[in-house]
Amino acid sequence: MERKRILLQGELTSPINPKKCCRFAPRCPYASEECFTQEPIMQEILPGHNVACHKAAQFMK
């Protein structure tokens, strides 16, 4: 699987007072409403590879 590097743009979230949402949502081109309202849970997508992303399963196809 070829991995394309994506340059993130937009504002960073506050590390001092983070919102209960995905920390990358304001910078992610794939973010949906769910990403801005719910914090994703950490999940193992491959042995030894963990992500906290609502869209992870979509990208593993």
PDB file of N, CA and C in Angstrom:
ATOM      1  N   MET A   1       0.841  -1.169   0.000  1.00  0.00           N
ATOM      2  CA  MET A   1       0.000   0.000   0.000  1.00  0.00           C
ATOM      3  C   MET A   1       0.893   1.241   0.000  1.00  0.00           C
ATOM      4  N   GLU A   2       0.689   2.100  -0.992  1.00  0.00           N
ATOM      5  CA  GLU A   2       1.466   3.330  -1.098  1.00  0.00           C
ATOM      6  C   GLU A   2       0.861   4.378  -0.171  1.00  0.00           C
ATOM      7  N   ARG A   3       1.665   5.039   0.666  1.00  0.00           N
ATOM      8  CA  ARG A   3       1.169   6.059   1.588  1.00  0.00           C
ATOM      9  C   ARG A   3       1.507   7.438   1.072  1.00  0.00           C
ATOM     10  N   LYS A   4       0.482   8.256   0.879  1.00  0.00           N
ATOM     11  CA  LYS A   4       0.685   9.632   0.440  1.00  0.00           C
ATOM     12  C   LYS A   4       0.819  10.524   1.659  1.00  0.00           C
ATOM     13  N   ARG A   5       1.762  11.415   1.615  1.00  0.00           N
ATOM     14  CA  ARG A   5       1.943  12.369   2.707  1.00  0.00           C
ATOM     15  C   ARG A   5       0.953  13.510   2.519  1.00  0.00           C
ATOM     16  N   ILE A   6       0.203  13.815   3.575  1.00  0.00           N
ATOM     17  CA  ILE A   6      -0.791  14.881   3.542  1.00  0.00           C
ATOM     18  C   ILE A   6      -0.315  16.002   4.453  1.00  0.00           C
ATOM     19  N   LEU A   7      -0.238  17.204   3.895  1.00  0.00           N
ATOM     20  CA  LEU A   7       0.149  18.363   4.693  1.00  0.00           C
ATOM     21  C   LEU A   7      -1.102  18.930   5.353  1.00  0.00           C
ATOM     22  N   LEU A   8      -1.079  19.003   6.673  1.00  0.00           N
ATOM     23  CA  LEU A   8      -2.216  19.518   7.411  1.00  0.00           C
ATOM     24  C   LEU A   8      -2.171  21.030   7.458  1.00  0.00           C
ATOM     25  N   GLN A   9      -3.336  21.649   7.307  1.00  0.00           N
ATOM     26  CA  GLN A   9      -3.455  23.095   7.397  1.00  0.00           C
ATOM     27  C   GLN A   9      -4.521  23.412   8.421  1.00  0.00           C
ATOM     28  N   GLY A  10      -4.572  24.649   8.870  1.00  0.00           N
ATOM     29  CA  GLY A  10      -5.599  25.040   9.832  1.00  0.00           C
ATOM     30  C   GLY A  10      -5.025  25.238  11.220  1.00  0.00           C
ATOM     31  N   GLU A  11      -5.913  25.510  12.157  1.00  0.00           N
ATOM     32  CA  GLU A  11      -5.512  25.821  13.521  1.00  0.00           C
ATOM     33  C   GLU A  11      -5.266  24.578  14.356  1.00  0.00           C
ATOM     34  N   LEU A  12      -4.322  24.679  15.269  1.00  0.00           N
ATOM     35  CA  LEU A  12      -4.060  23.612  16.232  1.00  0.00           C
ATOM     36  C   LEU A  12      -5.032  23.740  17.388  1.00  0.00           C
ATOM     37  N   THR A  13      -5.378  22.620  17.998  1.00  0.00           N
ATOM     38  CA  THR A  13      -6.223  22.679  19.189  1.00  0.00           C
ATOM     39  C   THR A  13      -5.370  23.017  20.407  1.00  0.00           C
ATOM     40  N   SER A  14      -6.000  23.533  21.430  1.00  0.00           N
ATOM     41  CA  SER A  14      -5.294  23.924  22.643  1.00  0.00           C
ATOM     42  C   SER A  14      -4.841  22.695  23.428  1.00  0.00           C
ATOM     43  N   PRO A  15      -3.544  22.558  23.719  1.00  0.00           N
ATOM     44  CA  PRO A  15      -3.089  21.437  24.535  1.00  0.00           C
ATOM     45  C   PRO A  15      -3.432  21.636  26.018  1.00  0.00           C
ATOM     46  N   ILE A  16      -3.709  22.868  26.417  1.00  0.00           N
ATOM     47  CA  ILE A  16      -4.023  23.176  27.808  1.00  0.00           C
ATOM     48  C   ILE A  16      -5.491  22.926  28.108  1.00  0.00           C
ATOM     49  N   ASN A  17      -6.358  23.287  27.175  1.00  0.00           N
ATOM     50  CA  ASN A  17      -7.801  23.148  27.369  1.00  0.00           C
ATOM     51  C   ASN A  17      -8.412  22.486  26.127  1.00  0.00           C
ATOM     52  N   PRO A  18      -8.108  21.203  25.891  1.00  0.00           N
ATOM     53  CA  PRO A  18      -8.613  20.553  24.672  1.00  0.00           C
ATOM     54  C   PRO A  18     -10.124  20.313  24.733  1.00  0.00           C
ATOM     55  N   LYS A  19     -10.767  20.401  23.585  1.00  0.00           N
ATOM     56  CA  LYS A  19     -12.192  20.115  23.488  1.00  0.00           C
ATOM     57  C   LYS A  19     -12.390  18.606  23.423  1.00  0.00           C
ATOM     58  N   LYS A  20     -13.592  18.144  23.723  1.00  0.00           N
ATOM     59  CA  LYS A  20     -13.931  16.722  23.656  1.00  0.00           C
ATOM     60  C   LYS A  20     -14.291  16.374  22.207  1.00  0.00           C
ATOM     61  N   CYS A  21     -13.277  16.376  21.364  1.00  0.00           N
ATOM     62  CA  CYS A  21     -13.453  16.022  19.960  1.00  0.00           C
ATOM     63  C   CYS A  21     -12.117  15.496  19.453  1.00  0.00           C
ATOM     64  N   CYS A  22     -12.061  15.142  18.195  1.00  0.00           N
ATOM     65  CA  CYS A  22     -10.791  14.716  17.621  1.00  0.00           C
ATOM     66  C   CYS A  22      -9.852  15.916  17.570  1.00  0.00           C
ATOM     67  N   ARG A  23      -8.642  15.760  18.068  1.00  0.00           N
ATOM     68  CA  ARG A  23      -7.686  16.874  18.116  1.00  0.00           C
ATOM     69  C   ARG A  23      -7.252  17.341  16.729  1.00  0.00           C
ATOM     70  N   PHE A  24      -7.387  16.469  15.724  1.00  0.00           N
ATOM     71  CA  PHE A  24      -6.981  16.820  14.369  1.00  0.00           C
ATOM     72  C   PHE A  24      -8.131  17.314  13.499  1.00  0.00           C
ATOM     73  N   ALA A  25      -9.365  17.270  13.995  1.00  0.00           N
ATOM     74  CA  ALA A  25     -10.537  17.624  13.189  1.00  0.00           C
ATOM     75  C   ALA A  25     -10.417  18.977  12.477  1.00  0.00           C
ATOM     76  N   PRO A  26      -9.966  20.040  13.135  1.00  0.00           N
ATOM     77  CA  PRO A  26      -9.874  21.320  12.435  1.00  0.00           C
ATOM     78  C   PRO A  26      -8.852  21.317  11.286  1.00  0.00           C
ATOM     79  N   ARG A  27      -7.961  20.342  11.275  1.00  0.00           N
ATOM     80  CA  ARG A  27      -6.902  20.292  10.267  1.00  0.00           C
ATOM     81  C   ARG A  27      -7.058  19.137   9.284  1.00  0.00           C
ATOM     82  N   CYS A  28      -8.037  18.266   9.494  1.00  0.00           N
ATOM     83  CA  CYS A  28      -8.177  17.044   8.699  1.00  0.00           C
ATOM     84  C   CYS A  28      -9.128  17.246   7.516  1.00  0.00           C
ATOM     85  N   PRO A  29      -8.694  16.912   6.291  1.00  0.00           N
ATOM     86  CA  PRO A  29      -9.575  17.065   5.132  1.00  0.00           C
ATOM     87  C   PRO A  29     -10.708  16.037   5.100  1.00  0.00           C
ATOM     88  N   TYR A  30     -10.649  15.004   5.929  1.00  0.00           N
ATOM     89  CA  TYR A  30     -11.672  13.959   5.956  1.00  0.00           C
ATOM     90  C   TYR A  30     -12.634  14.095   7.137  1.00  0.00           C
ATOM     91  N   ALA A  31     -12.480  15.112   7.947  1.00  0.00           N
ATOM     92  CA  ALA A  31     -13.297  15.287   9.152  1.00  0.00           C
ATOM     93  C   ALA A  31     -14.765  15.490   8.811  1.00  0.00           C
ATOM     94  N   SER A  32     -15.620  14.860   9.622  1.00  0.00           N
ATOM     95  CA  SER A  32     -17.066  15.011   9.495  1.00  0.00           C
ATOM     96  C   SER A  32     -17.593  15.612  10.798  1.00  0.00           C
ATOM     97  N   GLU A  33     -18.894  15.795  10.880  1.00  0.00           N
ATOM     98  CA  GLU A  33     -19.489  16.377  12.086  1.00  0.00           C
ATOM     99  C   GLU A  33     -19.138  15.560  13.325  1.00  0.00           C
ATOM    100  N   GLU A  34     -19.129  14.238  13.182  1.00  0.00           N
ATOM    101  CA  GLU A  34     -18.788  13.348  14.301  1.00  0.00           C
ATOM    102  C   GLU A  34     -17.412  13.687  14.879  1.00  0.00           C
ATOM    103  N   CYS A  35     -16.473  14.021  14.030  1.00  0.00           N
ATOM    104  CA  CYS A  35     -15.108  14.332  14.460  1.00  0.00           C
ATOM    105  C   CYS A  35     -15.053  15.600  15.315  1.00  0.00           C
ATOM    106  N   PHE A  36     -15.971  16.530  15.060  1.00  0.00           N
ATOM    107  CA  PHE A  36     -16.004  17.789  15.798  1.00  0.00           C
ATOM    108  C   PHE A  36     -16.813  17.708  17.091  1.00  0.00           C
ATOM    109  N   THR A  37     -17.565  16.600  17.284  1.00  0.00           N
ATOM    110  CA  THR A  37     -18.431  16.515  18.457  1.00  0.00           C
ATOM    111  C   THR A  37     -18.114  15.358  19.397  1.00  0.00           C
ATOM    112  N   GLN A  38     -17.345  14.360  18.926  1.00  0.00           N
ATOM    113  CA  GLN A  38     -17.037  13.196  19.759  1.00  0.00           C
ATOM    114  C   GLN A  38     -15.552  12.877  19.710  1.00  0.00           C
ATOM    115  N   GLU A  39     -15.003  12.590  20.859  1.00  0.00           N
ATOM    116  CA  GLU A  39     -13.597  12.195  20.926  1.00  0.00           C
ATOM    117  C   GLU A  39     -13.474  10.735  20.471  1.00  0.00           C
ATOM    118  N   PRO A  40     -12.600  10.438  19.500  1.00  0.00           N
ATOM    119  CA  PRO A  40     -12.454   9.052  19.043  1.00  0.00           C
ATOM    120  C   PRO A  40     -11.729   8.200  20.089  1.00  0.00           C
ATOM    121  N   ILE A  41     -12.066   6.912  20.121  1.00  0.00           N
ATOM    122  CA  ILE A  41     -11.406   6.003  21.055  1.00  0.00           C
ATOM    123  C   ILE A  41     -10.226   5.329  20.359  1.00  0.00           C
ATOM    124  N   MET A  42      -9.217   4.982  21.132  1.00  0.00           N
ATOM    125  CA  MET A  42      -8.048   4.285  20.603  1.00  0.00           C
ATOM    126  C   MET A  42      -8.457   2.867  20.233  1.00  0.00           C
ATOM    127  N   GLN A  43      -8.069   2.438  19.024  1.00  0.00           N
ATOM    128  CA  GLN A  43      -8.382   1.087  18.571  1.00  0.00           C
ATOM    129  C   GLN A  43      -7.214   0.507  17.791  1.00  0.00           C
ATOM    130  N   GLU A  44      -7.060  -0.791  17.876  1.00  0.00           N
ATOM    131  CA  GLU A  44      -5.990  -1.470  17.157  1.00  0.00           C
ATOM    132  C   GLU A  44      -6.507  -1.827  15.759  1.00  0.00           C
ATOM    133  N   ILE A  45      -5.881  -1.285  14.716  1.00  0.00           N
ATOM    134  CA  ILE A  45      -6.332  -1.561  13.356  1.00  0.00           C
ATOM    135  C   ILE A  45      -5.530  -2.676  12.695  1.00  0.00           C
ATOM    136  N   LEU A  46      -4.297  -2.852  13.119  1.00  0.00           N
ATOM    137  CA  LEU A  46      -3.428  -3.950  12.718  1.00  0.00           C
ATOM    138  C   LEU A  46      -2.637  -4.339  13.957  1.00  0.00           C
ATOM    139  N   PRO A  47      -2.119  -5.537  14.033  1.00  0.00           N
ATOM    140  CA  PRO A  47      -1.340  -5.909  15.214  1.00  0.00           C
ATOM    141  C   PRO A  47      -0.217  -4.901  15.494  1.00  0.00           C
ATOM    142  N   GLY A  48      -0.289  -4.281  16.659  1.00  0.00           N
ATOM    143  CA  GLY A  48       0.726  -3.308  17.061  1.00  0.00           C
ATOM    144  C   GLY A  48       0.524  -1.904  16.503  1.00  0.00           C
ATOM    145  N   HIS A  49      -0.565  -1.663  15.768  1.00  0.00           N
ATOM    146  CA  HIS A  49      -0.846  -0.344  15.180  1.00  0.00           C
ATOM    147  C   HIS A  49      -2.173   0.161  15.717  1.00  0.00           C
ATOM    148  N   ASN A  50      -2.093   1.200  16.551  1.00  0.00           N
ATOM    149  CA  ASN A  50      -3.278   1.775  17.186  1.00  0.00           C
ATOM    150  C   ASN A  50      -3.530   3.178  16.651  1.00  0.00           C
ATOM    151  N   VAL A  51      -4.809   3.518  16.513  1.00  0.00           N
ATOM    152  CA  VAL A  51      -5.198   4.862  16.074  1.00  0.00           C
ATOM    153  C   VAL A  51      -6.412   5.311  16.863  1.00  0.00           C
ATOM    154  N   ALA A  52      -6.587   6.606  16.965  1.00  0.00           N
ATOM    155  CA  ALA A  52      -7.798   7.191  17.532  1.00  0.00           C
ATOM    156  C   ALA A  52      -8.411   8.042  16.428  1.00  0.00           C
ATOM    157  N   CYS A  53      -9.230   7.396  15.593  1.00  0.00           N
ATOM    158  CA  CYS A  53      -9.816   8.070  14.431  1.00  0.00           C
ATOM    159  C   CYS A  53     -11.165   7.435  14.118  1.00  0.00           C
ATOM    160  N   HIS A  54     -12.179   8.280  13.917  1.00  0.00           N
ATOM    161  CA  HIS A  54     -13.503   7.785  13.556  1.00  0.00           C
ATOM    162  C   HIS A  54     -13.505   7.169  12.153  1.00  0.00           C
ATOM    163  N   LYS A  55     -12.574   7.560  11.319  1.00  0.00           N
ATOM    164  CA  LYS A  55     -12.545   7.136   9.914  1.00  0.00           C
ATOM    165  C   LYS A  55     -11.532   6.025   9.627  1.00  0.00           C
ATOM    166  N   ALA A  56     -10.882   5.485  10.637  1.00  0.00           N
ATOM    167  CA  ALA A  56      -9.798   4.508  10.447  1.00  0.00           C
ATOM    168  C   ALA A  56     -10.204   3.317   9.596  1.00  0.00           C
ATOM    169  N   ALA A  57     -11.357   2.729   9.865  1.00  0.00           N
ATOM    170  CA  ALA A  57     -11.790   1.544   9.119  1.00  0.00           C
ATOM    171  C   ALA A  57     -11.966   1.856   7.630  1.00  0.00           C
ATOM    172  N   GLN A  58     -12.390   3.050   7.327  1.00  0.00           N
ATOM    173  CA  GLN A  58     -12.598   3.494   5.947  1.00  0.00           C
ATOM    174  C   GLN A  58     -11.282   3.482   5.160  1.00  0.00           C
ATOM    175  N   PHE A  59     -10.192   3.828   5.823  1.00  0.00           N
ATOM    176  CA  PHE A  59      -8.908   3.917   5.138  1.00  0.00           C
ATOM    177  C   PHE A  59      -8.160   2.597   5.101  1.00  0.00           C
ATOM    178  N   MET A  60      -8.638   1.593   5.814  1.00  0.00           N
ATOM    179  CA  MET A  60      -7.965   0.297   5.842  1.00  0.00           C
ATOM    180  C   MET A  60      -8.512  -0.671   4.804  1.00  0.00           C
ATOM    181  N   LYS A  61      -9.431  -0.254   3.972  1.00  0.00           N
ATOM    182  CA  LYS A  61     -10.020  -1.133   2.944  1.00  0.00           C
ATOM    183  C   LYS A  61      -9.073  -1.358   1.805  1.00  0.00           C
TER     184      LYS A  61
END
